[in-house]
Amino acid sequence: MKILIIEDTALKFASISRVLKNAGFIEIDSEKNLEDGLKTIESSVKSDDKYGVIITDMWYPREDLGLEEPCGLELVETVKARGYDIPVIICSSQQYRCENALGEVLYKENEDWNKELLISLVKKAYNINKTKGENNE
């Protein structure tokens, strides 16, 4: 299953990516801003090789070299509005509730964070896609 992580902090991306790879999820792509993230998602949908799950931070730039904004919520709503049917997991340093997200994981850089919850949510996305016959294995 292809995973897209939208995260502008290299250390956080590396931490999330390492957890996923250790759990057996190795096809991981990344983007650092909303604009590039949406382009990558759209391209994957158009090429019939869409992502099985998107993991997004809440605060990152709208475009390359932009200021951080609450783009994660906009990403979740845009994915839903465009009908992409891709589960989105929010992984942020602040607790958020978003009804259109598959789930939320609280990430604290210098603290132990709930890696098991992240893996559980990614597996849930995998099972959702498997039920729909959409996993690219």
N, C-alpha and C. Protein backbone atom coordinates (compact mmCIF):
# COMPACT_ATOMS: atom_id res chain seq x y z
N MET A 1 0.85 -1.18 0.00
CA MET A 1 0.00 0.00 0.00
C MET A 1 0.89 1.24 0.00
N LYS A 2 0.60 2.14 -0.91
CA LYS A 2 1.34 3.40 -0.99
C LYS A 2 0.86 4.36 0.08
N ILE A 3 1.82 5.02 0.73
CA ILE A 3 1.51 5.99 1.78
C ILE A 3 2.15 7.32 1.41
N LEU A 4 1.39 8.40 1.58
CA LEU A 4 1.91 9.75 1.39
C LEU A 4 1.93 10.44 2.74
N ILE A 5 3.09 10.98 3.11
CA ILE A 5 3.22 11.77 4.34
C ILE A 5 3.44 13.22 3.94
N ILE A 6 2.58 14.10 4.43
CA ILE A 6 2.76 15.53 4.19
C ILE A 6 3.22 16.15 5.50
N GLU A 7 4.50 16.50 5.52
CA GLU A 7 5.16 16.97 6.75
C GLU A 7 6.36 17.81 6.36
N ASP A 8 6.49 18.99 6.93
CA ASP A 8 7.59 19.87 6.57
C ASP A 8 8.80 19.77 7.50
N THR A 9 8.70 19.00 8.56
CA THR A 9 9.81 18.83 9.50
C THR A 9 10.52 17.50 9.23
N ALA A 10 11.78 17.58 8.85
CA ALA A 10 12.53 16.38 8.45
C ALA A 10 12.60 15.35 9.58
N LEU A 11 12.83 15.78 10.80
CA LEU A 11 12.95 14.86 11.93
C LEU A 11 11.63 14.11 12.16
N LYS A 12 10.52 14.82 12.10
CA LYS A 12 9.22 14.18 12.30
C LYS A 12 8.91 13.22 11.15
N PHE A 13 9.19 13.64 9.91
CA PHE A 13 8.98 12.74 8.78
C PHE A 13 9.79 11.46 8.96
N ALA A 14 11.07 11.60 9.34
CA ALA A 14 11.94 10.43 9.52
C ALA A 14 11.41 9.51 10.61
N SER A 15 10.90 10.08 11.69
CA SER A 15 10.37 9.29 12.80
C SER A 15 9.12 8.51 12.37
N ILE A 16 8.20 9.18 11.69
CA ILE A 16 6.97 8.52 11.22
C ILE A 16 7.32 7.45 10.19
N SER A 17 8.19 7.79 9.26
CA SER A 17 8.59 6.86 8.21
C SER A 17 9.25 5.61 8.80
N ARG A 18 10.11 5.79 9.78
CA ARG A 18 10.79 4.66 10.42
C ARG A 18 9.78 3.73 11.09
N VAL A 19 8.80 4.30 11.79
CA VAL A 19 7.77 3.49 12.45
C VAL A 19 7.01 2.67 11.41
N LEU A 20 6.64 3.30 10.30
CA LEU A 20 5.88 2.61 9.25
C LEU A 20 6.72 1.51 8.59
N LYS A 21 7.97 1.81 8.29
CA LYS A 21 8.85 0.81 7.67
C LYS A 21 9.08 -0.38 8.59
N ASN A 22 9.24 -0.11 9.88
CA ASN A 22 9.41 -1.20 10.85
C ASN A 22 8.16 -2.07 10.95
N ALA A 23 7.00 -1.50 10.59
CA ALA A 23 5.75 -2.25 10.61
C ALA A 23 5.48 -2.93 9.26
N GLY A 24 6.40 -2.78 8.30
CA GLY A 24 6.26 -3.45 7.02
C GLY A 24 5.71 -2.61 5.89
N PHE A 25 5.45 -1.33 6.15
CA PHE A 25 4.96 -0.43 5.10
C PHE A 25 6.16 0.30 4.52
N ILE A 26 6.54 -0.05 3.30
CA ILE A 26 7.79 0.47 2.76
C ILE A 26 7.60 1.45 1.59
N GLU A 27 6.43 1.50 1.01
CA GLU A 27 6.21 2.38 -0.13
C GLU A 27 5.69 3.73 0.38
N ILE A 28 6.63 4.61 0.75
CA ILE A 28 6.31 5.87 1.40
C ILE A 28 6.84 7.04 0.57
N ASP A 29 5.96 7.97 0.24
CA ASP A 29 6.34 9.20 -0.44
C ASP A 29 6.12 10.37 0.51
N SER A 30 6.71 11.52 0.17
CA SER A 30 6.53 12.68 1.05
C SER A 30 6.41 13.97 0.25
N GLU A 31 5.72 14.90 0.84
CA GLU A 31 5.65 16.27 0.36
C GLU A 31 5.74 17.17 1.57
N LYS A 32 6.13 18.44 1.34
CA LYS A 32 6.36 19.36 2.46
C LYS A 32 5.38 20.50 2.53
N ASN A 33 4.45 20.59 1.56
CA ASN A 33 3.48 21.68 1.60
C ASN A 33 2.17 21.25 0.95
N LEU A 34 1.13 22.02 1.18
CA LEU A 34 -0.21 21.67 0.71
C LEU A 34 -0.29 21.59 -0.81
N GLU A 35 0.24 22.59 -1.48
CA GLU A 35 0.15 22.63 -2.94
C GLU A 35 0.77 21.39 -3.59
N ASP A 36 1.98 21.05 -3.18
CA ASP A 36 2.65 19.87 -3.75
C ASP A 36 1.95 18.59 -3.32
N GLY A 37 1.46 18.55 -2.09
CA GLY A 37 0.73 17.38 -1.61
C GLY A 37 -0.50 17.11 -2.46
N LEU A 38 -1.28 18.16 -2.72
CA LEU A 38 -2.50 17.99 -3.53
C LEU A 38 -2.17 17.58 -4.96
N LYS A 39 -1.10 18.14 -5.53
CA LYS A 39 -0.68 17.75 -6.88
C LYS A 39 -0.29 16.27 -6.93
N THR A 40 0.44 15.82 -5.92
CA THR A 40 0.87 14.43 -5.86
C THR A 40 -0.32 13.50 -5.71
N ILE A 41 -1.26 13.87 -4.86
CA ILE A 41 -2.47 13.06 -4.67
C ILE A 41 -3.26 12.98 -5.97
N GLU A 42 -3.48 14.13 -6.62
CA GLU A 42 -4.23 14.15 -7.87
C GLU A 42 -3.55 13.31 -8.94
N SER A 43 -2.25 13.41 -9.03
CA SER A 43 -1.50 12.62 -10.01
C SER A 43 -1.66 11.13 -9.75
N SER A 44 -1.63 10.73 -8.49
CA SER A 44 -1.77 9.30 -8.16
C SER A 44 -3.17 8.79 -8.51
N VAL A 45 -4.16 9.63 -8.30
CA VAL A 45 -5.55 9.25 -8.62
C VAL A 45 -5.71 9.12 -10.14
N LYS A 46 -5.20 10.10 -10.88
CA LYS A 46 -5.32 10.09 -12.34
C LYS A 46 -4.58 8.93 -12.98
N SER A 47 -3.48 8.50 -12.37
CA SER A 47 -2.69 7.40 -12.93
C SER A 47 -3.20 6.04 -12.45
N ASP A 48 -4.31 6.04 -11.73
CA ASP A 48 -4.93 4.82 -11.20
C ASP A 48 -3.96 4.05 -10.29
N ASP A 49 -3.15 4.80 -9.56
CA ASP A 49 -2.20 4.23 -8.61
C ASP A 49 -2.25 5.07 -7.33
N LYS A 50 -3.49 5.25 -6.83
CA LYS A 50 -3.67 6.19 -5.73
C LYS A 50 -3.14 5.66 -4.40
N TYR A 51 -2.91 6.59 -3.53
CA TYR A 51 -2.39 6.26 -2.20
C TYR A 51 -3.45 5.52 -1.39
N GLY A 52 -2.97 4.60 -0.56
CA GLY A 52 -3.86 3.87 0.33
C GLY A 52 -4.21 4.67 1.57
N VAL A 53 -3.32 5.58 1.94
CA VAL A 53 -3.56 6.44 3.10
C VAL A 53 -2.64 7.66 2.99
N ILE A 54 -3.12 8.76 3.53
CA ILE A 54 -2.34 9.99 3.62
C ILE A 54 -2.17 10.31 5.10
N ILE A 55 -0.95 10.61 5.50
CA ILE A 55 -0.68 11.04 6.87
C ILE A 55 -0.26 12.50 6.79
N THR A 56 -0.96 13.37 7.50
CA THR A 56 -0.69 14.80 7.41
C THR A 56 -0.51 15.44 8.77
N ASP A 57 0.39 16.39 8.81
CA ASP A 57 0.51 17.28 9.96
C ASP A 57 -0.64 18.29 9.84
N MET A 58 -0.84 19.11 10.84
CA MET A 58 -1.85 20.17 10.74
C MET A 58 -1.25 21.49 10.30
N TRP A 59 -0.04 21.78 10.73
CA TRP A 59 0.58 23.08 10.44
C TRP A 59 1.79 22.89 9.53
N TYR A 60 1.68 23.40 8.30
CA TYR A 60 2.78 23.40 7.36
C TYR A 60 2.47 24.42 6.27
N PRO A 61 3.44 24.76 5.42
CA PRO A 61 3.22 25.79 4.41
C PRO A 61 2.19 25.39 3.35
N ARG A 62 1.49 26.38 2.86
CA ARG A 62 0.54 26.18 1.76
C ARG A 62 1.32 25.89 0.47
N GLU A 63 2.43 26.57 0.28
CA GLU A 63 3.25 26.39 -0.91
C GLU A 63 4.72 26.40 -0.51
N ASP A 64 5.58 26.02 -1.45
CA ASP A 64 7.01 25.98 -1.17
C ASP A 64 7.50 27.34 -0.67
N LEU A 65 8.26 27.33 0.41
CA LEU A 65 8.83 28.52 1.04
C LEU A 65 7.79 29.43 1.68
N GLY A 66 6.57 28.97 1.84
CA GLY A 66 5.54 29.77 2.48
C GLY A 66 5.59 29.66 3.99
N LEU A 67 4.79 30.48 4.65
CA LEU A 67 4.66 30.43 6.10
C LEU A 67 3.76 29.27 6.49
N GLU A 68 3.99 28.75 7.70
CA GLU A 68 3.13 27.66 8.18
C GLU A 68 1.71 28.16 8.41
N GLU A 69 0.76 27.34 8.00
CA GLU A 69 -0.66 27.62 8.17
C GLU A 69 -1.34 26.32 8.57
N PRO A 70 -2.58 26.39 9.03
CA PRO A 70 -3.30 25.15 9.39
C PRO A 70 -3.80 24.42 8.15
N CYS A 71 -2.88 23.90 7.35
CA CYS A 71 -3.20 23.29 6.06
C CYS A 71 -3.74 21.87 6.17
N GLY A 72 -3.47 21.18 7.27
CA GLY A 72 -3.92 19.80 7.40
C GLY A 72 -5.42 19.65 7.30
N LEU A 73 -6.15 20.52 7.97
CA LEU A 73 -7.61 20.47 7.91
C LEU A 73 -8.09 20.74 6.49
N GLU A 74 -7.47 21.70 5.82
CA GLU A 74 -7.82 21.99 4.43
C GLU A 74 -7.56 20.78 3.53
N LEU A 75 -6.46 20.09 3.79
CA LEU A 75 -6.15 18.88 3.01
C LEU A 75 -7.24 17.83 3.19
N VAL A 76 -7.63 17.57 4.44
CA VAL A 76 -8.67 16.57 4.72
C VAL A 76 -9.95 16.93 3.97
N GLU A 77 -10.36 18.18 4.07
CA GLU A 77 -11.61 18.62 3.43
C GLU A 77 -11.50 18.58 1.90
N THR A 78 -10.35 18.93 1.35
CA THR A 78 -10.17 18.91 -0.10
C THR A 78 -10.20 17.48 -0.64
N VAL A 79 -9.54 16.56 0.04
CA VAL A 79 -9.56 15.15 -0.38
C VAL A 79 -10.99 14.64 -0.41
N LYS A 80 -11.77 14.99 0.61
CA LYS A 80 -13.18 14.57 0.66
C LYS A 80 -13.99 15.24 -0.45
N ALA A 81 -13.84 16.56 -0.60
CA ALA A 81 -14.62 17.32 -1.59
C ALA A 81 -14.34 16.86 -3.02
N ARG A 82 -13.12 16.46 -3.30
CA ARG A 82 -12.77 16.01 -4.65
C ARG A 82 -13.12 14.54 -4.88
N GLY A 83 -13.63 13.88 -3.85
CA GLY A 83 -14.06 12.50 -4.00
C GLY A 83 -12.93 11.50 -4.19
N TYR A 84 -11.75 11.80 -3.65
CA TYR A 84 -10.61 10.91 -3.83
C TYR A 84 -10.73 9.60 -3.05
N ASP A 85 -11.54 9.57 -2.04
CA ASP A 85 -11.79 8.34 -1.26
C ASP A 85 -10.48 7.72 -0.76
N ILE A 86 -9.64 8.56 -0.16
CA ILE A 86 -8.39 8.11 0.45
C ILE A 86 -8.45 8.46 1.93
N PRO A 87 -8.27 7.48 2.82
CA PRO A 87 -8.27 7.79 4.25
C PRO A 87 -7.11 8.73 4.61
N VAL A 88 -7.39 9.68 5.51
CA VAL A 88 -6.38 10.63 5.96
C VAL A 88 -6.23 10.52 7.47
N ILE A 89 -4.98 10.42 7.92
CA ILE A 89 -4.65 10.38 9.34
C ILE A 89 -3.93 11.68 9.68
N ILE A 90 -4.37 12.34 10.74
CA ILE A 90 -3.70 13.54 11.22
C ILE A 90 -2.68 13.14 12.27
N CYS A 91 -1.45 13.58 12.10
CA CYS A 91 -0.38 13.31 13.07
C CYS A 91 0.23 14.66 13.44
N SER A 92 -0.16 15.18 14.58
CA SER A 92 0.18 16.55 14.94
C SER A 92 0.60 16.66 16.40
N SER A 93 1.31 17.74 16.71
CA SER A 93 1.74 17.98 18.08
C SER A 93 0.63 18.58 18.94
N GLN A 94 -0.50 18.89 18.32
CA GLN A 94 -1.66 19.38 19.05
C GLN A 94 -2.83 18.44 18.78
N GLN A 95 -3.67 18.27 19.77
CA GLN A 95 -4.82 17.38 19.63
C GLN A 95 -5.89 18.04 18.76
N TYR A 96 -6.32 17.36 17.72
CA TYR A 96 -7.37 17.85 16.83
C TYR A 96 -8.44 16.79 16.69
N ARG A 97 -9.64 17.23 16.45
CA ARG A 97 -10.74 16.34 16.10
C ARG A 97 -11.24 16.77 14.73
N CYS A 98 -11.27 15.84 13.82
CA CYS A 98 -11.71 16.13 12.45
C CYS A 98 -12.57 14.97 12.00
N GLU A 99 -13.85 15.22 11.82
CA GLU A 99 -14.78 14.12 11.52
C GLU A 99 -14.48 13.42 10.20
N ASN A 100 -13.82 14.09 9.27
CA ASN A 100 -13.53 13.47 7.98
C ASN A 100 -12.17 12.78 7.93
N ALA A 101 -11.44 12.79 9.04
CA ALA A 101 -10.17 12.07 9.12
C ALA A 101 -10.43 10.66 9.65
N LEU A 102 -9.59 9.72 9.23
CA LEU A 102 -9.70 8.35 9.74
C LEU A 102 -9.37 8.32 11.22
N GLY A 103 -8.45 9.18 11.64
CA GLY A 103 -8.07 9.25 13.05
C GLY A 103 -6.99 10.29 13.26
N GLU A 104 -6.66 10.50 14.53
CA GLU A 104 -5.65 11.48 14.90
C GLU A 104 -4.64 10.84 15.83
N VAL A 105 -3.37 11.19 15.63
CA VAL A 105 -2.29 10.71 16.48
C VAL A 105 -1.57 11.94 17.03
N LEU A 106 -1.43 12.00 18.34
CA LEU A 106 -0.70 13.10 18.98
C LEU A 106 0.79 12.78 18.93
N TYR A 107 1.56 13.64 18.29
CA TYR A 107 3.00 13.44 18.12
C TYR A 107 3.75 14.49 18.93
N LYS A 108 4.62 14.04 19.80
CA LYS A 108 5.48 14.94 20.58
C LYS A 108 6.93 14.56 20.32
N GLU A 109 7.67 15.46 19.71
CA GLU A 109 9.03 15.17 19.25
C GLU A 109 9.95 14.65 20.35
N ASN A 110 9.94 15.27 21.50
CA ASN A 110 10.87 14.89 22.57
C ASN A 110 10.24 14.00 23.61
N GLU A 111 9.09 13.43 23.28
CA GLU A 111 8.40 12.54 24.21
C GLU A 111 8.03 11.25 23.48
N ASP A 112 7.68 10.26 24.26
CA ASP A 112 7.18 9.03 23.66
C ASP A 112 5.80 9.33 23.07
N TRP A 113 5.57 8.96 21.84
CA TRP A 113 4.26 9.19 21.22
C TRP A 113 3.67 7.85 20.82
N ASN A 114 2.39 7.84 20.53
CA ASN A 114 1.64 6.60 20.35
C ASN A 114 1.86 6.00 18.95
N LYS A 115 3.00 5.36 18.79
CA LYS A 115 3.34 4.73 17.51
C LYS A 115 2.38 3.60 17.18
N GLU A 116 1.93 2.89 18.21
CA GLU A 116 1.00 1.78 18.00
C GLU A 116 -0.33 2.27 17.42
N LEU A 117 -0.78 3.44 17.84
CA LEU A 117 -2.01 4.00 17.29
C LEU A 117 -1.82 4.32 15.81
N LEU A 118 -0.69 4.90 15.46
CA LEU A 118 -0.42 5.20 14.06
C LEU A 118 -0.46 3.92 13.22
N ILE A 119 0.24 2.90 13.67
CA ILE A 119 0.26 1.62 12.94
C ILE A 119 -1.14 1.04 12.84
N SER A 120 -1.89 1.11 13.92
CA SER A 120 -3.27 0.60 13.93
C SER A 120 -4.14 1.33 12.91
N LEU A 121 -4.01 2.65 12.83
CA LEU A 121 -4.80 3.42 11.87
C LEU A 121 -4.38 3.12 10.43
N VAL A 122 -3.09 2.95 10.19
CA VAL A 122 -2.62 2.61 8.84
C VAL A 122 -3.13 1.22 8.45
N LYS A 123 -3.11 0.28 9.38
CA LYS A 123 -3.66 -1.05 9.11
C LYS A 123 -5.17 -0.98 8.85
N LYS A 124 -5.85 -0.10 9.56
CA LYS A 124 -7.29 0.09 9.33
C LYS A 124 -7.52 0.60 7.90
N ALA A 125 -6.70 1.56 7.46
CA ALA A 125 -6.80 2.06 6.09
C ALA A 125 -6.52 0.94 5.09
N TYR A 126 -5.52 0.11 5.38
CA TYR A 126 -5.20 -1.02 4.52
C TYR A 126 -6.41 -1.94 4.38
N ASN A 127 -7.07 -2.24 5.50
CA ASN A 127 -8.24 -3.13 5.47
C ASN A 127 -9.42 -2.49 4.74
N ILE A 128 -9.59 -1.18 4.88
CA ILE A 128 -10.65 -0.48 4.14
C ILE A 128 -10.39 -0.63 2.65
N ASN A 129 -9.15 -0.39 2.23
CA ASN A 129 -8.80 -0.50 0.81
C ASN A 129 -8.92 -1.93 0.31
N LYS A 130 -8.54 -2.89 1.16
CA LYS A 130 -8.63 -4.30 0.78
C LYS A 130 -10.08 -4.70 0.52
N THR A 131 -10.98 -4.21 1.37
CA THR A 131 -12.40 -4.49 1.21
C THR A 131 -12.91 -3.94 -0.12
N LYS A 132 -12.36 -2.78 -0.54
CA LYS A 132 -12.76 -2.17 -1.80
C LYS A 132 -11.95 -2.70 -2.98
N GLY A 133 -10.98 -3.59 -2.70
CA GLY A 133 -10.15 -4.15 -3.76
C GLY A 133 -9.16 -3.16 -4.34
N GLU A 134 -8.68 -2.22 -3.51
CA GLU A 134 -7.82 -1.15 -4.02
C GLU A 134 -6.38 -1.21 -3.58
N ASN A 135 -5.96 -2.21 -2.85
CA ASN A 135 -4.56 -2.25 -2.42
C ASN A 135 -3.66 -2.65 -3.57
N ASN A 136 -2.64 -1.86 -3.79
CA ASN A 136 -1.65 -2.16 -4.82
C ASN A 136 -0.50 -2.88 -4.15
N GLU A 137 -0.50 -4.20 -4.24
CA GLU A 137 0.55 -4.97 -3.56
C GLU A 137 1.52 -5.54 -4.55
